[in-house]
């Protein structure tokens, strides 16, 4: 990992933390950072064509009891 990449990640973490309320807990901070990491990973996968077909998404939501139409 390059120094500029690390600085970029560090700056992004600061920005995310600054958006949280002053009453945020450590768990809130970690949850927000994990969410951002997983969101970025999902976007990167979608950008390479790796994503679920609409029928698969509908089936997954149905298993969870959520009505959803793709």
N, C-alpha and C. Protein backbone atom coordinates (compact mmCIF):
# COMPACT_ATOMS: atom_id res chain seq x y z
N UNK A 1 0.84 -1.18 0.00
CA UNK A 1 0.00 0.00 0.00
C UNK A 1 0.88 1.23 0.00
N UNK A 2 0.61 2.17 -0.91
CA UNK A 2 1.45 3.35 -1.02
C UNK A 2 1.10 4.37 0.06
N UNK A 3 2.02 5.28 0.31
CA UNK A 3 1.79 6.31 1.32
C UNK A 3 0.61 7.19 0.94
N UNK A 4 0.47 7.52 -0.35
CA UNK A 4 -0.64 8.38 -0.76
C UNK A 4 -1.97 7.66 -0.60
N UNK A 5 -1.99 6.34 -0.85
CA UNK A 5 -3.21 5.57 -0.66
C UNK A 5 -3.58 5.55 0.82
N UNK A 6 -2.61 5.35 1.70
CA UNK A 6 -2.87 5.35 3.14
C UNK A 6 -3.41 6.69 3.60
N UNK A 7 -2.81 7.76 3.12
CA UNK A 7 -3.26 9.09 3.50
C UNK A 7 -4.69 9.30 3.04
N UNK A 8 -5.01 8.82 1.86
CA UNK A 8 -6.36 8.96 1.33
C UNK A 8 -7.35 8.21 2.21
N UNK A 9 -7.02 6.98 2.60
CA UNK A 9 -7.89 6.21 3.47
C UNK A 9 -8.04 6.88 4.83
N UNK A 10 -6.94 7.40 5.34
CA UNK A 10 -6.98 8.08 6.64
C UNK A 10 -7.88 9.31 6.56
N UNK A 11 -7.77 10.07 5.49
CA UNK A 11 -8.61 11.25 5.32
C UNK A 11 -10.08 10.85 5.21
N UNK A 12 -10.36 9.78 4.47
CA UNK A 12 -11.74 9.31 4.35
C UNK A 12 -12.30 8.89 5.71
N UNK A 13 -11.49 8.22 6.51
CA UNK A 13 -11.93 7.81 7.84
C UNK A 13 -12.24 9.03 8.71
N UNK A 14 -11.39 10.04 8.64
CA UNK A 14 -11.63 11.28 9.40
C UNK A 14 -12.95 11.91 8.97
N UNK A 15 -13.18 11.97 7.67
CA UNK A 15 -14.41 12.59 7.17
C UNK A 15 -15.65 11.82 7.63
N UNK A 16 -15.58 10.49 7.58
CA UNK A 16 -16.71 9.69 8.05
C UNK A 16 -16.97 9.91 9.54
N UNK A 17 -15.92 9.90 10.32
CA UNK A 17 -16.06 10.09 11.76
C UNK A 17 -16.61 11.49 12.07
N UNK A 18 -16.17 12.48 11.33
CA UNK A 18 -16.66 13.84 11.56
C UNK A 18 -18.14 13.99 11.26
N UNK A 19 -18.70 13.10 10.45
CA UNK A 19 -20.13 13.16 10.12
C UNK A 19 -21.01 12.56 11.22
N UNK A 20 -20.39 11.79 12.12
CA UNK A 20 -21.15 11.17 13.20
C UNK A 20 -21.46 12.18 14.30
N UNK A 21 -22.53 11.94 15.04
CA UNK A 21 -22.84 12.85 16.15
C UNK A 21 -21.79 12.74 17.25
N UNK A 22 -21.70 13.77 18.07
CA UNK A 22 -20.73 13.77 19.17
C UNK A 22 -20.98 12.64 20.15
N UNK A 23 -22.18 12.10 20.16
CA UNK A 23 -22.53 11.02 21.09
C UNK A 23 -22.22 9.63 20.52
N UNK A 24 -21.60 9.57 19.34
CA UNK A 24 -21.30 8.28 18.70
C UNK A 24 -20.38 7.44 19.58
N UNK A 25 -20.66 6.16 19.59
CA UNK A 25 -19.83 5.22 20.36
C UNK A 25 -18.76 4.63 19.45
N UNK A 26 -17.83 3.87 20.06
CA UNK A 26 -16.83 3.17 19.27
C UNK A 26 -17.51 2.22 18.30
N UNK A 27 -18.57 1.56 18.77
CA UNK A 27 -19.30 0.64 17.89
C UNK A 27 -19.89 1.38 16.69
N UNK A 28 -20.42 2.58 16.91
CA UNK A 28 -20.96 3.38 15.80
C UNK A 28 -19.87 3.69 14.77
N UNK A 29 -18.71 4.04 15.27
CA UNK A 29 -17.59 4.38 14.39
C UNK A 29 -17.16 3.16 13.58
N UNK A 30 -16.98 2.04 14.26
CA UNK A 30 -16.55 0.82 13.57
C UNK A 30 -17.61 0.38 12.57
N UNK A 31 -18.88 0.44 12.95
CA UNK A 31 -19.96 0.06 12.03
C UNK A 31 -19.95 0.92 10.78
N UNK A 32 -19.76 2.22 10.94
CA UNK A 32 -19.75 3.13 9.80
C UNK A 32 -18.56 2.83 8.88
N UNK A 33 -17.40 2.59 9.47
CA UNK A 33 -16.22 2.28 8.67
C UNK A 33 -16.37 0.94 7.94
N UNK A 34 -16.93 -0.06 8.63
CA UNK A 34 -17.16 -1.36 7.97
C UNK A 34 -18.16 -1.22 6.83
N UNK A 35 -19.23 -0.46 7.06
CA UNK A 35 -20.23 -0.24 6.02
C UNK A 35 -19.58 0.39 4.79
N UNK A 36 -18.77 1.40 5.02
CA UNK A 36 -18.10 2.09 3.90
C UNK A 36 -17.17 1.14 3.15
N UNK A 37 -16.44 0.30 3.88
CA UNK A 37 -15.54 -0.67 3.26
C UNK A 37 -16.32 -1.66 2.41
N UNK A 38 -17.41 -2.19 2.95
CA UNK A 38 -18.21 -3.17 2.21
C UNK A 38 -18.90 -2.53 1.01
N UNK A 39 -19.35 -1.31 1.15
CA UNK A 39 -19.97 -0.59 0.04
C UNK A 39 -18.96 -0.41 -1.09
N UNK A 40 -17.75 0.01 -0.76
CA UNK A 40 -16.71 0.20 -1.77
C UNK A 40 -16.36 -1.12 -2.45
N UNK A 41 -16.31 -2.21 -1.68
CA UNK A 41 -16.01 -3.53 -2.25
C UNK A 41 -17.12 -3.95 -3.20
N UNK A 42 -18.36 -3.71 -2.83
CA UNK A 42 -19.49 -4.06 -3.68
C UNK A 42 -19.50 -3.28 -4.98
N UNK A 43 -19.20 -2.00 -4.90
CA UNK A 43 -19.13 -1.16 -6.10
C UNK A 43 -18.01 -1.64 -7.01
N UNK A 44 -16.86 -1.98 -6.41
CA UNK A 44 -15.73 -2.47 -7.21
C UNK A 44 -16.11 -3.77 -7.92
N UNK A 45 -16.81 -4.66 -7.24
CA UNK A 45 -17.24 -5.91 -7.87
C UNK A 45 -18.23 -5.64 -9.00
N UNK A 46 -19.17 -4.75 -8.76
CA UNK A 46 -20.15 -4.43 -9.80
C UNK A 46 -19.48 -3.81 -11.02
N UNK A 47 -18.47 -3.00 -10.77
CA UNK A 47 -17.74 -2.37 -11.87
C UNK A 47 -17.03 -3.40 -12.76
N UNK A 48 -16.71 -4.56 -12.19
CA UNK A 48 -16.06 -5.61 -12.97
C UNK A 48 -17.07 -6.62 -13.51
N UNK A 49 -18.36 -6.33 -13.33
CA UNK A 49 -19.40 -7.20 -13.85
C UNK A 49 -19.82 -8.31 -12.92
N UNK A 50 -19.35 -8.27 -11.68
CA UNK A 50 -19.70 -9.31 -10.70
C UNK A 50 -20.85 -8.81 -9.83
N UNK A 51 -22.06 -9.17 -10.21
CA UNK A 51 -23.22 -8.80 -9.42
C UNK A 51 -24.31 -9.85 -9.62
N UNK A 52 -25.30 -9.83 -8.76
CA UNK A 52 -26.37 -10.83 -8.81
C UNK A 52 -27.40 -10.46 -9.87
N UNK A 53 -27.93 -11.48 -10.51
CA UNK A 53 -29.00 -11.29 -11.48
C UNK A 53 -30.26 -10.85 -10.73
N UNK A 54 -31.13 -10.08 -11.37
CA UNK A 54 -32.36 -9.62 -10.70
C UNK A 54 -33.18 -10.76 -10.08
N UNK A 55 -33.27 -11.90 -10.76
CA UNK A 55 -34.03 -13.03 -10.22
C UNK A 55 -33.40 -13.54 -8.93
N UNK A 56 -32.08 -13.53 -8.84
CA UNK A 56 -31.40 -13.97 -7.62
C UNK A 56 -31.67 -13.01 -6.46
N UNK A 57 -31.71 -11.73 -6.75
CA UNK A 57 -32.00 -10.73 -5.72
C UNK A 57 -33.42 -10.90 -5.22
N UNK A 58 -34.36 -11.07 -6.14
CA UNK A 58 -35.76 -11.27 -5.76
C UNK A 58 -35.92 -12.52 -4.90
N UNK A 59 -35.24 -13.61 -5.27
CA UNK A 59 -35.31 -14.85 -4.50
C UNK A 59 -34.72 -14.67 -3.10
N UNK A 60 -33.62 -13.95 -3.00
CA UNK A 60 -33.00 -13.71 -1.69
C UNK A 60 -33.93 -12.92 -0.79
N UNK A 61 -34.53 -11.86 -1.32
CA UNK A 61 -35.46 -11.07 -0.52
C UNK A 61 -36.68 -11.90 -0.12
N UNK A 62 -37.16 -12.74 -1.01
CA UNK A 62 -38.30 -13.61 -0.70
C UNK A 62 -37.98 -14.53 0.47
N UNK A 63 -36.75 -15.06 0.50
CA UNK A 63 -36.34 -15.93 1.62
C UNK A 63 -36.36 -15.17 2.94
N UNK A 64 -36.14 -13.86 2.88
CA UNK A 64 -36.13 -13.03 4.08
C UNK A 64 -37.52 -12.48 4.40
N UNK A 65 -38.50 -12.84 3.56
CA UNK A 65 -39.86 -12.37 3.80
C UNK A 65 -40.14 -10.96 3.31
N UNK A 66 -39.32 -10.48 2.39
CA UNK A 66 -39.48 -9.12 1.88
C UNK A 66 -39.99 -9.21 0.44
N UNK A 67 -41.08 -8.49 0.15
CA UNK A 67 -41.59 -8.47 -1.21
C UNK A 67 -40.79 -7.45 -2.00
N UNK A 68 -40.23 -7.92 -3.11
CA UNK A 68 -39.35 -7.07 -3.91
C UNK A 68 -39.45 -7.50 -5.35
N UNK A 69 -39.55 -6.54 -6.25
CA UNK A 69 -39.54 -6.85 -7.66
C UNK A 69 -38.39 -6.11 -8.31
N UNK A 70 -37.54 -6.86 -9.01
CA UNK A 70 -36.38 -6.25 -9.66
C UNK A 70 -36.78 -5.62 -10.97
